[in-house]
C-alpha cells in the first residue's frame, strides 16, 4: 500500500491484518518505483489520499500505474471533496473519512473482486476477545456485543495499543473529518464512552483484560 496520511496508513495496515495479510507499506512513490518489475506481481495496491502531482509535477496515478503495470487492481482511498488525485472509473475507490468497519469492508470486497476467491470474514483477536469489523461485533466469553461505530473504533485503538497510555486527546479526535475532509471533529463525551465500553465488554479483569483510567492523563488497557 502507498498511503499519504497517517490515519489511512494505520487503518489500512489494521484492515489487511484482520484478513491475515502483512502488507508492504510504501512511504513514497519513489519507494514503489524502486521495487521494479516485482510490483507487477501484487495482488492489489491500495493508494491512500494521493496528491494529484508528485514532487516532479508528474501525475501520481499515471506513475503508479506505470510502476505496477496494467493488471494490478488499484483501490483508491480518497478524501471527499479534496484536491487529490481523481481515480479513473475503472478502478475501485472508497472514502478515507469512514470508520474502520467501513474501511475494512471496502478492502475486503476489493480483494474479492481482484482474486475471485472467497475470503473469510475479517477478525482481529486478542486473547478471549475477537473483533469482527464488518459487523462491529466483539465476541468474548460466549457473548457477542455489537458496538456503534465510534465505540468500536475506540475499543480497537485501546487493544492495538494495549499496555500503553492512550491520552484523552488522541481518543477525542478519533472521529472522521467532516464530509468535506477539512475539519477535525471531537468526541465530547469520551469519559462516558469509556465507561460504557468497560461495562459492555467486561473489561474489569473478567476475561483477561482490565481498562484502567489514569486521572487527567488517559486510559490504559492491560492484560492480566
Protein backbone atom coordinates (compact mmCIF):
# COMPACT_ATOMS: atom_id res chain seq x y z
CA UNK A 1 0.00 0.00 0.00
CA UNK A 2 1.01 3.58 -0.70
CA UNK A 3 -0.74 5.86 1.81
CA UNK A 4 -0.04 9.56 2.20
CA UNK A 5 -1.82 10.21 5.54
CA UNK A 6 -1.26 8.57 8.92
CA UNK A 7 -4.93 7.73 9.51
CA UNK A 8 -5.32 5.93 6.20
CA UNK A 9 -1.97 4.16 6.54
CA UNK A 10 -2.77 2.84 10.03
CA UNK A 11 -6.35 1.84 9.20
CA UNK A 12 -5.20 0.06 6.05
CA UNK A 13 -2.50 -1.80 7.95
CA UNK A 14 -5.09 -2.95 10.50
CA UNK A 15 -7.61 -3.91 7.83
CA UNK A 16 -5.11 -6.09 5.98
CA UNK A 17 -4.02 -7.66 9.26
CA UNK A 18 -7.64 -8.61 10.02
CA UNK A 19 -7.66 -10.50 6.71
CA UNK A 20 -4.44 -12.32 7.53
CA UNK A 21 -2.15 -10.22 5.32
CA UNK A 22 1.06 -8.39 6.21
CA UNK A 23 1.14 -5.69 3.52
CA UNK A 24 4.17 -3.97 2.08
CA UNK A 25 3.99 -0.32 3.12
CA UNK A 26 5.45 2.40 0.91
CA UNK A 27 6.03 5.86 2.35
CA UNK A 28 6.63 7.44 -1.05
CA UNK A 29 6.09 6.85 -4.74
CA UNK A 30 9.85 6.57 -5.21
CA UNK A 31 9.95 3.51 -2.93
CA UNK A 32 7.31 1.82 -5.06
CA UNK A 33 9.12 2.63 -8.29
CA UNK A 34 12.42 1.32 -6.90
CA UNK A 35 10.81 -2.09 -6.45
CA UNK A 36 10.92 -2.54 -10.22
CA UNK A 37 9.18 -5.45 -12.00
CA UNK A 38 8.29 -7.13 -8.68
CA UNK A 39 5.44 -4.62 -8.29
CA UNK A 40 3.61 -6.12 -11.27
CA UNK A 41 3.04 -9.27 -9.19
CA UNK A 42 0.97 -7.54 -6.49
CA UNK A 43 -2.49 -8.95 -5.74
CA UNK A 44 -3.70 -5.39 -5.21
CA UNK A 45 -2.35 -1.94 -4.39
CA UNK A 46 -4.07 0.46 -2.03
CA UNK A 47 -3.41 4.14 -2.74
CA UNK A 48 -4.41 6.40 0.13
CA UNK A 49 -5.11 10.14 -0.12
CA UNK A 50 -2.73 10.58 -3.05
CA UNK A 51 -1.96 14.10 -4.31
CA UNK A 52 -2.64 14.91 -7.95
CA UNK A 53 1.03 15.57 -8.73
CA UNK A 54 4.28 14.21 -7.34
CA UNK A 55 7.32 16.29 -6.36
CA UNK A 56 8.37 16.50 -10.00
CA UNK A 57 4.99 17.77 -11.13
CA UNK A 58 4.00 14.48 -12.79
CA UNK A 59 0.56 12.86 -12.31
CA UNK A 60 0.82 10.44 -9.38
CA UNK A 61 -1.68 7.88 -10.63
CA UNK A 62 -0.02 7.68 -14.03
CA UNK A 63 3.31 6.93 -12.32
CA UNK A 64 1.68 4.33 -10.06
CA UNK A 65 0.07 2.53 -12.98
CA UNK A 66 3.37 2.52 -14.87
CA UNK A 67 5.09 1.03 -11.78
CA UNK A 68 2.65 -1.85 -11.25
CA UNK A 69 1.53 -2.49 -14.82
CA UNK A 70 -1.97 -2.74 -16.27
CA UNK A 71 -3.21 -5.85 -14.44
CA UNK A 72 -2.80 -4.99 -10.74
CA UNK A 73 -6.15 -3.86 -9.24
CA UNK A 74 -5.95 -0.46 -7.56
CA UNK A 75 -8.04 0.55 -4.55
CA UNK A 76 -8.13 4.31 -4.07
CA UNK A 77 -8.88 5.78 -0.66
CA UNK A 78 -9.81 9.42 -1.22
CA UNK A 79 -10.75 12.44 0.86
CA UNK A 80 -14.22 13.51 -0.33
CA UNK A 81 -14.12 16.94 -1.92
CA UNK A 82 -10.35 17.03 -1.59
CA UNK A 83 -7.89 18.30 -4.15
CA UNK A 84 -6.12 14.97 -4.52
CA UNK A 85 -5.86 12.64 -7.47
CA UNK A 86 -9.13 11.52 -9.06
CA UNK A 87 -9.16 7.75 -9.68
CA UNK A 88 -10.28 6.53 -13.10
CA UNK A 89 -13.75 4.94 -13.24
CA UNK A 90 -12.22 1.52 -13.98
CA UNK A 91 -10.60 1.44 -10.52
CA UNK A 92 -12.27 0.89 -7.14
CA UNK A 93 -12.46 3.83 -4.74
CA UNK A 94 -13.75 4.46 -1.24
CA UNK A 95 -13.82 7.42 1.15
CA UNK A 96 -11.00 7.76 3.67
CA UNK A 97 -13.22 9.51 6.20
CA UNK A 98 -15.26 6.47 7.19
CA UNK A 99 -14.99 4.38 10.30
CA UNK A 100 -12.78 1.30 10.46
CA UNK A 101 -15.59 -1.17 9.75
CA UNK A 102 -16.47 0.62 6.51
CA UNK A 103 -12.82 0.85 5.54
CA UNK A 104 -12.25 -2.85 6.20
CA UNK A 105 -15.35 -3.76 4.21
CA UNK A 106 -14.11 -1.79 1.18
CA UNK A 107 -10.76 -3.57 1.26
CA UNK A 108 -12.38 -7.00 1.68
CA UNK A 109 -14.69 -6.59 -1.31
CA UNK A 110 -11.87 -5.17 -3.40
CA UNK A 111 -9.82 -8.28 -2.67
CA UNK A 112 -12.76 -10.47 -3.64
CA UNK A 113 -13.15 -8.62 -6.93
CA UNK A 114 -9.42 -8.82 -7.59
CA UNK A 115 -8.93 -12.50 -6.78
CA UNK A 116 -12.32 -14.04 -7.43
CA UNK A 117 -11.75 -16.10 -4.29
CA UNK A 118 -13.76 -16.37 -1.11
CA UNK A 119 -12.22 -14.61 1.86
CA UNK A 120 -13.17 -15.37 5.46
CA UNK A 121 -14.84 -12.55 7.40
CA UNK A 122 -12.06 -10.39 8.85
CA UNK A 123 -11.28 -10.86 12.55
CA UNK A 124 -8.80 -9.37 14.97
CA UNK A 125 -8.09 -11.41 18.09
CA UNK A 126 -6.56 -10.54 21.46
CA UNK A 127 -6.82 -13.42 23.91
CA UNK A 128 -10.51 -14.06 24.64
CA UNK A 129 -11.65 -11.08 22.54
CA UNK A 130 -12.41 -11.35 18.82
CA UNK A 131 -13.31 -8.24 16.81
CA UNK A 132 -15.35 -8.57 13.60
CA UNK A 133 -15.07 -5.21 11.78
CA UNK A 134 -17.78 -5.83 9.16
CA UNK A 135 -20.50 -6.16 11.79
CA UNK A 136 -18.73 -4.14 14.50
CA UNK A 137 -19.16 -7.15 16.78
CA UNK A 138 -16.90 -8.10 19.71
CA UNK A 139 -17.06 -11.69 20.89
CA UNK A 140 -15.76 -12.86 24.28
CA UNK A 141 -16.68 -15.45 26.89
CA UNK A 142 -19.55 -16.85 24.83
CA UNK A 143 -21.06 -13.38 24.31
CA UNK A 144 -21.36 -11.17 21.26
CA UNK A 145 -21.67 -7.41 21.65
CA UNK A 146 -22.46 -5.11 18.73
CA UNK A 147 -20.96 -1.64 19.14
CA UNK A 148 -21.71 1.66 17.47
CA UNK A 149 -19.02 2.87 15.01
CA UNK A 150 -17.39 5.30 17.46
CA UNK A 151 -17.17 2.82 20.34
CA UNK A 152 -15.88 0.07 18.05
CA UNK A 153 -13.03 2.24 16.75
CA UNK A 154 -12.09 3.37 20.25
CA UNK A 155 -12.10 -0.20 21.55
CA UNK A 156 -9.84 -1.26 18.69
CA UNK A 157 -7.47 1.63 19.39
CA UNK A 158 -7.15 0.52 23.02
CA UNK A 159 -6.49 -3.11 22.06
CA UNK A 160 -3.98 -2.23 19.35
CA UNK A 161 -2.14 -0.10 21.91
CA UNK A 162 -2.56 -2.50 24.83
CA UNK A 163 -0.19 -1.77 27.68
CA UNK A 164 0.32 1.82 26.54
CA UNK A 165 -1.16 5.01 27.94
CA UNK A 166 -3.60 6.39 25.37
CA UNK A 167 -4.20 10.04 26.17
CA UNK A 168 -7.67 11.53 26.16
CA UNK A 169 -6.90 13.98 23.37
CA UNK A 170 -5.99 11.14 21.00
CA UNK A 171 -9.31 9.43 21.64
CA UNK A 172 -11.41 12.59 21.43
CA UNK A 173 -10.00 13.25 17.94
CA UNK A 174 -10.78 9.79 16.57
CA UNK A 175 -13.93 10.85 14.74
CA UNK A 176 -13.53 11.00 10.97
CA UNK A 177 -13.27 14.50 9.47
CA UNK A 178 -16.42 16.17 8.21
CA UNK A 179 -17.66 15.23 4.71
CA UNK A 180 -15.50 17.95 3.16
CA UNK A 181 -12.45 16.43 4.83
CA UNK A 182 -11.31 19.77 6.17
CA UNK A 183 -12.46 19.91 9.80
CA UNK A 184 -11.45 17.71 12.72
CA UNK A 185 -14.37 16.70 14.91
CA UNK A 186 -14.25 15.86 18.60
CA UNK A 187 -15.86 13.26 20.84
CA UNK A 188 -17.09 15.42 23.71
CA UNK A 189 -18.29 12.56 25.93
CA UNK A 190 -15.18 10.36 25.83
CA UNK A 191 -15.48 9.57 29.55
CA UNK A 192 -18.97 8.17 29.03
CA UNK A 193 -17.84 6.15 26.00
CA UNK A 194 -15.01 4.58 28.01
CA UNK A 195 -17.33 3.83 30.92
CA UNK A 196 -19.80 2.08 28.61
CA UNK A 197 -17.01 0.07 26.92
CA UNK A 198 -15.66 -1.06 30.26
CA UNK A 199 -19.14 -2.28 31.21
CA UNK A 200 -20.35 -3.80 27.92
CA UNK A 201 -17.06 -5.59 27.16
CA UNK A 202 -16.46 -6.63 30.79
CA UNK A 203 -13.01 -5.03 30.81
CA UNK A 204 -12.64 -5.48 34.55
CA UNK A 205 -10.30 -8.47 34.79
CA UNK A 206 -13.18 -10.83 33.98
CA UNK A 207 -11.78 -12.10 30.66
CA UNK A 208 -8.08 -11.32 30.91
CA UNK A 209 -8.18 -7.56 30.32
CA UNK A 210 -8.63 -4.52 32.53
CA UNK A 211 -9.29 -0.99 31.28
CA UNK A 212 -7.61 1.47 33.63
CA UNK A 213 -8.38 5.17 33.99
CA UNK A 214 -5.43 7.40 34.78
CA UNK A 215 -6.94 10.68 36.00
CA UNK A 216 -6.08 13.74 33.87
CA UNK A 217 -3.92 11.58 31.59
CA UNK A 218 -5.92 8.98 29.71
CA UNK A 219 -6.60 5.25 29.63
CA UNK A 220 -4.62 2.03 29.51
CA UNK A 221 -5.77 -1.48 28.63
CA UNK A 222 -3.70 -4.10 30.42
CA UNK A 223 -3.62 -7.88 30.17
CA UNK A 224 -3.89 -9.87 33.39
